[in-house]
Amino acid sequence: MKSIEQLLVDDARAPLEDAGFSARVMGALPPPAPRMAWWWKPALILGSATLGSVLAAAFGPAGASLAQGAIDLATAHYLTPGALSLLGSALTLAVVGAVLAADE
């Protein structure tokens, strides 16, 4: 005697007679849209992050180094230009990582 699972599997494998309905539906569908290359989205995001970082470094306050920002944060000086630059860079990298990790 067959189990209920085996009966269901056998039933699922049996072909359904549809008099060509499935073939007509598949033939009426438009062709699939072309997909973007897998590397396109990461390249745009990383390129944007790089451009943003370069612009931030070019137009940021003078003397705001990330190393000094780390020292400022370690000594509880949170609103110095170096600390804000470090926090901004860390936030940018976190957003880039989150966007890259999110899959459509």
N, C-alpha and C. Protein backbone atom coordinates (compact mmCIF):
# COMPACT_ATOMS: atom_id res chain seq x y z
N MET A 1 0.84 -1.18 0.00
CA MET A 1 0.00 0.00 0.00
C MET A 1 0.89 1.24 0.00
N LYS A 2 0.56 2.23 -0.85
CA LYS A 2 1.34 3.47 -0.96
C LYS A 2 0.93 4.45 0.14
N SER A 3 1.92 5.20 0.59
CA SER A 3 1.63 6.23 1.60
C SER A 3 0.96 7.42 0.92
N ILE A 4 0.40 8.28 1.72
CA ILE A 4 -0.26 9.47 1.18
C ILE A 4 0.75 10.37 0.47
N GLU A 5 1.97 10.41 1.00
CA GLU A 5 3.02 11.22 0.36
C GLU A 5 3.35 10.68 -1.02
N GLN A 6 3.47 9.36 -1.15
CA GLN A 6 3.78 8.78 -2.45
C GLN A 6 2.63 9.00 -3.43
N LEU A 7 1.39 8.91 -2.97
CA LEU A 7 0.24 9.17 -3.84
C LEU A 7 0.23 10.61 -4.34
N LEU A 8 0.57 11.55 -3.45
CA LEU A 8 0.62 12.96 -3.86
C LEU A 8 1.75 13.22 -4.85
N VAL A 9 2.90 12.60 -4.63
CA VAL A 9 4.02 12.77 -5.56
C VAL A 9 3.66 12.19 -6.92
N ASP A 10 3.06 11.02 -6.94
CA ASP A 10 2.67 10.41 -8.21
C ASP A 10 1.65 11.28 -8.94
N ASP A 11 0.71 11.84 -8.19
CA ASP A 11 -0.31 12.69 -8.79
C ASP A 11 0.31 13.98 -9.35
N ALA A 12 1.29 14.53 -8.65
CA ALA A 12 1.93 15.76 -9.11
C ALA A 12 2.75 15.54 -10.37
N ARG A 13 3.27 14.35 -10.56
CA ARG A 13 4.09 14.04 -11.74
C ARG A 13 3.24 13.71 -12.96
N ALA A 14 1.98 13.43 -12.78
CA ALA A 14 1.11 13.06 -13.90
C ALA A 14 0.86 14.30 -14.76
N PRO A 15 0.98 14.19 -16.09
CA PRO A 15 0.75 15.35 -16.95
C PRO A 15 -0.73 15.72 -16.98
N LEU A 16 -0.98 17.02 -17.10
CA LEU A 16 -2.35 17.51 -17.21
C LEU A 16 -2.68 17.74 -18.68
N GLU A 17 -3.82 17.29 -19.11
CA GLU A 17 -4.26 17.52 -20.49
C GLU A 17 -4.92 18.89 -20.55
N ASP A 18 -4.37 19.78 -21.37
CA ASP A 18 -4.95 21.12 -21.48
C ASP A 18 -5.21 21.51 -22.93
N ALA A 19 -5.12 20.56 -23.84
CA ALA A 19 -5.41 20.78 -25.26
C ALA A 19 -4.60 21.95 -25.83
N GLY A 20 -3.35 22.09 -25.42
CA GLY A 20 -2.47 23.12 -25.96
C GLY A 20 -2.63 24.49 -25.33
N PHE A 21 -3.44 24.58 -24.25
CA PHE A 21 -3.66 25.88 -23.61
C PHE A 21 -2.35 26.48 -23.09
N SER A 22 -1.55 25.68 -22.41
CA SER A 22 -0.28 26.19 -21.84
C SER A 22 0.64 26.71 -22.93
N ALA A 23 0.70 25.98 -24.06
CA ALA A 23 1.56 26.41 -25.16
C ALA A 23 1.08 27.73 -25.75
N ARG A 24 -0.25 27.91 -25.87
CA ARG A 24 -0.80 29.16 -26.41
C ARG A 24 -0.51 30.33 -25.46
N VAL A 25 -0.66 30.09 -24.17
CA VAL A 25 -0.38 31.16 -23.21
C VAL A 25 1.09 31.53 -23.25
N MET A 26 1.96 30.56 -23.23
CA MET A 26 3.41 30.85 -23.26
C MET A 26 3.81 31.55 -24.56
N GLY A 27 3.14 31.19 -25.67
CA GLY A 27 3.44 31.84 -26.94
C GLY A 27 2.94 33.27 -27.01
N ALA A 28 1.90 33.61 -26.24
CA ALA A 28 1.34 34.96 -26.26
C ALA A 28 2.08 35.91 -25.33
N LEU A 29 2.91 35.40 -24.45
CA LEU A 29 3.65 36.26 -23.52
C LEU A 29 4.74 37.03 -24.26
N PRO A 30 4.99 38.27 -23.84
CA PRO A 30 6.09 39.02 -24.46
C PRO A 30 7.43 38.40 -24.06
N PRO A 31 8.46 38.66 -24.84
CA PRO A 31 9.78 38.12 -24.47
C PRO A 31 10.26 38.75 -23.17
N PRO A 32 11.08 38.03 -22.42
CA PRO A 32 11.56 38.58 -21.14
C PRO A 32 12.42 39.83 -21.36
N ALA A 33 12.32 40.75 -20.43
CA ALA A 33 13.12 41.97 -20.52
C ALA A 33 14.58 41.62 -20.29
N PRO A 34 15.47 42.30 -20.99
CA PRO A 34 16.89 42.01 -20.77
C PRO A 34 17.30 42.41 -19.37
N ARG A 35 18.12 41.58 -18.76
CA ARG A 35 18.59 41.85 -17.40
C ARG A 35 19.90 42.61 -17.45
N MET A 36 20.06 43.49 -16.46
CA MET A 36 21.33 44.20 -16.36
C MET A 36 22.42 43.22 -15.91
N ALA A 37 23.62 43.54 -16.26
CA ALA A 37 24.75 42.71 -15.82
C ALA A 37 24.81 42.75 -14.29
N TRP A 38 25.25 41.67 -13.69
CA TRP A 38 25.27 41.54 -12.23
C TRP A 38 26.15 42.58 -11.57
N TRP A 39 27.16 43.09 -12.25
CA TRP A 39 28.12 43.99 -11.65
C TRP A 39 27.69 45.45 -11.74
N TRP A 40 26.64 45.76 -12.49
CA TRP A 40 26.25 47.14 -12.76
C TRP A 40 25.83 47.88 -11.49
N LYS A 41 24.94 47.28 -10.69
CA LYS A 41 24.45 47.93 -9.47
C LYS A 41 25.58 48.16 -8.46
N PRO A 42 26.39 47.15 -8.14
CA PRO A 42 27.51 47.41 -7.21
C PRO A 42 28.48 48.46 -7.73
N ALA A 43 28.73 48.47 -9.05
CA ALA A 43 29.65 49.47 -9.60
C ALA A 43 29.10 50.88 -9.45
N LEU A 44 27.81 51.06 -9.69
CA LEU A 44 27.20 52.38 -9.51
C LEU A 44 27.25 52.83 -8.05
N ILE A 45 26.94 51.93 -7.14
CA ILE A 45 26.92 52.29 -5.72
C ILE A 45 28.32 52.61 -5.22
N LEU A 46 29.28 51.75 -5.55
CA LEU A 46 30.65 52.01 -5.10
C LEU A 46 31.24 53.24 -5.77
N GLY A 47 30.90 53.47 -7.04
CA GLY A 47 31.37 54.67 -7.72
C GLY A 47 30.79 55.93 -7.08
N SER A 48 29.51 55.88 -6.75
CA SER A 48 28.88 57.02 -6.08
C SER A 48 29.50 57.26 -4.71
N ALA A 49 29.76 56.18 -3.98
CA ALA A 49 30.38 56.32 -2.65
C ALA A 49 31.79 56.90 -2.78
N THR A 50 32.53 56.47 -3.78
CA THR A 50 33.89 56.99 -3.99
C THR A 50 33.85 58.47 -4.35
N LEU A 51 32.94 58.81 -5.27
CA LEU A 51 32.82 60.22 -5.66
C LEU A 51 32.41 61.07 -4.46
N GLY A 52 31.47 60.59 -3.66
CA GLY A 52 31.06 61.32 -2.47
C GLY A 52 32.19 61.48 -1.47
N SER A 53 32.98 60.44 -1.31
CA SER A 53 34.12 60.52 -0.39
C SER A 53 35.16 61.52 -0.86
N VAL A 54 35.44 61.52 -2.15
CA VAL A 54 36.41 62.46 -2.71
C VAL A 54 35.91 63.89 -2.55
N LEU A 55 34.62 64.10 -2.84
CA LEU A 55 34.07 65.45 -2.68
C LEU A 55 34.06 65.88 -1.21
N ALA A 56 33.74 64.95 -0.31
CA ALA A 56 33.75 65.28 1.11
C ALA A 56 35.15 65.63 1.58
N ALA A 57 36.15 64.89 1.09
CA ALA A 57 37.53 65.19 1.48
C ALA A 57 37.99 66.52 0.89
N ALA A 58 37.55 66.81 -0.33
CA ALA A 58 37.98 68.05 -0.98
C ALA A 58 37.33 69.28 -0.36
N PHE A 59 36.06 69.18 0.00
CA PHE A 59 35.34 70.34 0.49
C PHE A 59 35.10 70.33 2.00
N GLY A 60 35.62 69.33 2.70
CA GLY A 60 35.46 69.26 4.16
C GLY A 60 36.36 70.26 4.85
N PRO A 61 36.19 70.41 6.16
CA PRO A 61 37.03 71.36 6.89
C PRO A 61 38.50 70.94 6.87
N ALA A 62 39.36 71.91 6.87
CA ALA A 62 40.80 71.64 6.82
C ALA A 62 41.25 70.95 8.11
N GLY A 63 42.12 69.99 7.98
CA GLY A 63 42.68 69.31 9.13
C GLY A 63 41.79 68.26 9.74
N ALA A 64 40.74 67.84 9.05
CA ALA A 64 39.83 66.84 9.60
C ALA A 64 40.26 65.45 9.13
N SER A 65 41.23 64.85 9.83
CA SER A 65 41.69 63.53 9.45
C SER A 65 40.89 62.46 10.18
N LEU A 66 40.78 61.31 9.55
CA LEU A 66 40.03 60.22 10.17
C LEU A 66 40.74 59.67 11.40
N ALA A 67 42.07 59.67 11.39
CA ALA A 67 42.81 59.20 12.56
C ALA A 67 42.55 60.12 13.75
N GLN A 68 42.57 61.42 13.50
CA GLN A 68 42.28 62.37 14.58
C GLN A 68 40.83 62.22 15.03
N GLY A 69 39.95 61.92 14.09
CA GLY A 69 38.55 61.70 14.44
C GLY A 69 38.39 60.50 15.36
N ALA A 70 39.14 59.44 15.11
CA ALA A 70 39.08 58.27 15.98
C ALA A 70 39.58 58.60 17.38
N ILE A 71 40.63 59.39 17.45
CA ILE A 71 41.16 59.81 18.76
C ILE A 71 40.13 60.68 19.48
N ASP A 72 39.51 61.60 18.73
CA ASP A 72 38.50 62.47 19.33
C ASP A 72 37.33 61.67 19.86
N LEU A 73 36.87 60.68 19.10
CA LEU A 73 35.75 59.86 19.56
C LEU A 73 36.15 59.04 20.79
N ALA A 74 37.38 58.56 20.82
CA ALA A 74 37.84 57.76 21.96
C ALA A 74 37.93 58.60 23.23
N THR A 75 38.17 59.90 23.07
CA THR A 75 38.28 60.77 24.24
C THR A 75 37.00 61.58 24.48
N ALA A 76 35.90 61.14 23.87
CA ALA A 76 34.56 61.72 24.06
C ALA A 76 34.44 63.15 23.56
N HIS A 77 35.15 63.49 22.49
CA HIS A 77 34.99 64.78 21.82
C HIS A 77 34.23 64.51 20.52
N TYR A 78 32.89 64.57 20.60
CA TYR A 78 32.05 64.08 19.51
C TYR A 78 31.80 65.09 18.40
N LEU A 79 31.94 66.37 18.64
CA LEU A 79 31.58 67.37 17.64
C LEU A 79 32.77 68.04 16.97
N THR A 80 33.92 67.43 17.02
CA THR A 80 35.08 67.98 16.32
C THR A 80 34.97 67.63 14.83
N PRO A 81 35.62 68.40 13.96
CA PRO A 81 35.55 68.10 12.52
C PRO A 81 36.05 66.68 12.19
N GLY A 82 37.10 66.24 12.86
CA GLY A 82 37.63 64.90 12.60
C GLY A 82 36.64 63.81 13.01
N ALA A 83 35.99 63.99 14.16
CA ALA A 83 35.02 63.01 14.62
C ALA A 83 33.81 62.97 13.71
N LEU A 84 33.34 64.14 13.29
CA LEU A 84 32.20 64.17 12.37
C LEU A 84 32.56 63.56 11.02
N SER A 85 33.79 63.78 10.55
CA SER A 85 34.22 63.17 9.30
C SER A 85 34.26 61.65 9.41
N LEU A 86 34.78 61.17 10.53
CA LEU A 86 34.83 59.72 10.74
C LEU A 86 33.43 59.13 10.83
N LEU A 87 32.54 59.78 11.57
CA LEU A 87 31.17 59.28 11.68
C LEU A 87 30.45 59.32 10.33
N GLY A 88 30.68 60.37 9.55
CA GLY A 88 30.08 60.47 8.22
C GLY A 88 30.58 59.38 7.29
N SER A 89 31.87 59.11 7.34
CA SER A 89 32.44 58.05 6.51
C SER A 89 31.92 56.69 6.92
N ALA A 90 31.82 56.46 8.23
CA ALA A 90 31.29 55.18 8.71
C ALA A 90 29.83 55.01 8.30
N LEU A 91 29.06 56.08 8.38
CA LEU A 91 27.65 56.01 7.97
C LEU A 91 27.53 55.75 6.48
N THR A 92 28.38 56.41 5.68
CA THR A 92 28.37 56.18 4.24
C THR A 92 28.68 54.73 3.92
N LEU A 93 29.70 54.18 4.55
CA LEU A 93 30.05 52.78 4.29
C LEU A 93 28.94 51.83 4.76
N ALA A 94 28.26 52.16 5.85
CA ALA A 94 27.16 51.32 6.32
C ALA A 94 26.00 51.34 5.34
N VAL A 95 25.70 52.51 4.80
CA VAL A 95 24.61 52.60 3.81
C VAL A 95 24.98 51.86 2.54
N VAL A 96 26.20 52.01 2.07
CA VAL A 96 26.65 51.30 0.87
C VAL A 96 26.58 49.79 1.10
N GLY A 97 27.04 49.33 2.26
CA GLY A 97 26.97 47.90 2.57
C GLY A 97 25.53 47.38 2.62
N ALA A 98 24.64 48.18 3.21
CA ALA A 98 23.24 47.76 3.30
C ALA A 98 22.59 47.69 1.92
N VAL A 99 22.89 48.66 1.07
CA VAL A 99 22.31 48.65 -0.28
C VAL A 99 22.85 47.48 -1.08
N LEU A 100 24.14 47.22 -0.96
CA LEU A 100 24.72 46.10 -1.69
C LEU A 100 24.21 44.76 -1.17
N ALA A 101 23.94 44.68 0.13
CA ALA A 101 23.47 43.44 0.70
C ALA A 101 22.01 43.17 0.36
N ALA A 102 21.25 44.25 0.15
CA ALA A 102 19.82 44.07 -0.17
C ALA A 102 19.70 43.54 -1.60
N ASP A 103 19.03 42.45 -1.73
CA ASP A 103 18.84 41.84 -3.04
C ASP A 103 17.43 42.11 -3.49
N GLU A 104 17.31 42.46 -4.76
CA GLU A 104 15.97 42.75 -5.28
C GLU A 104 15.16 41.49 -5.42
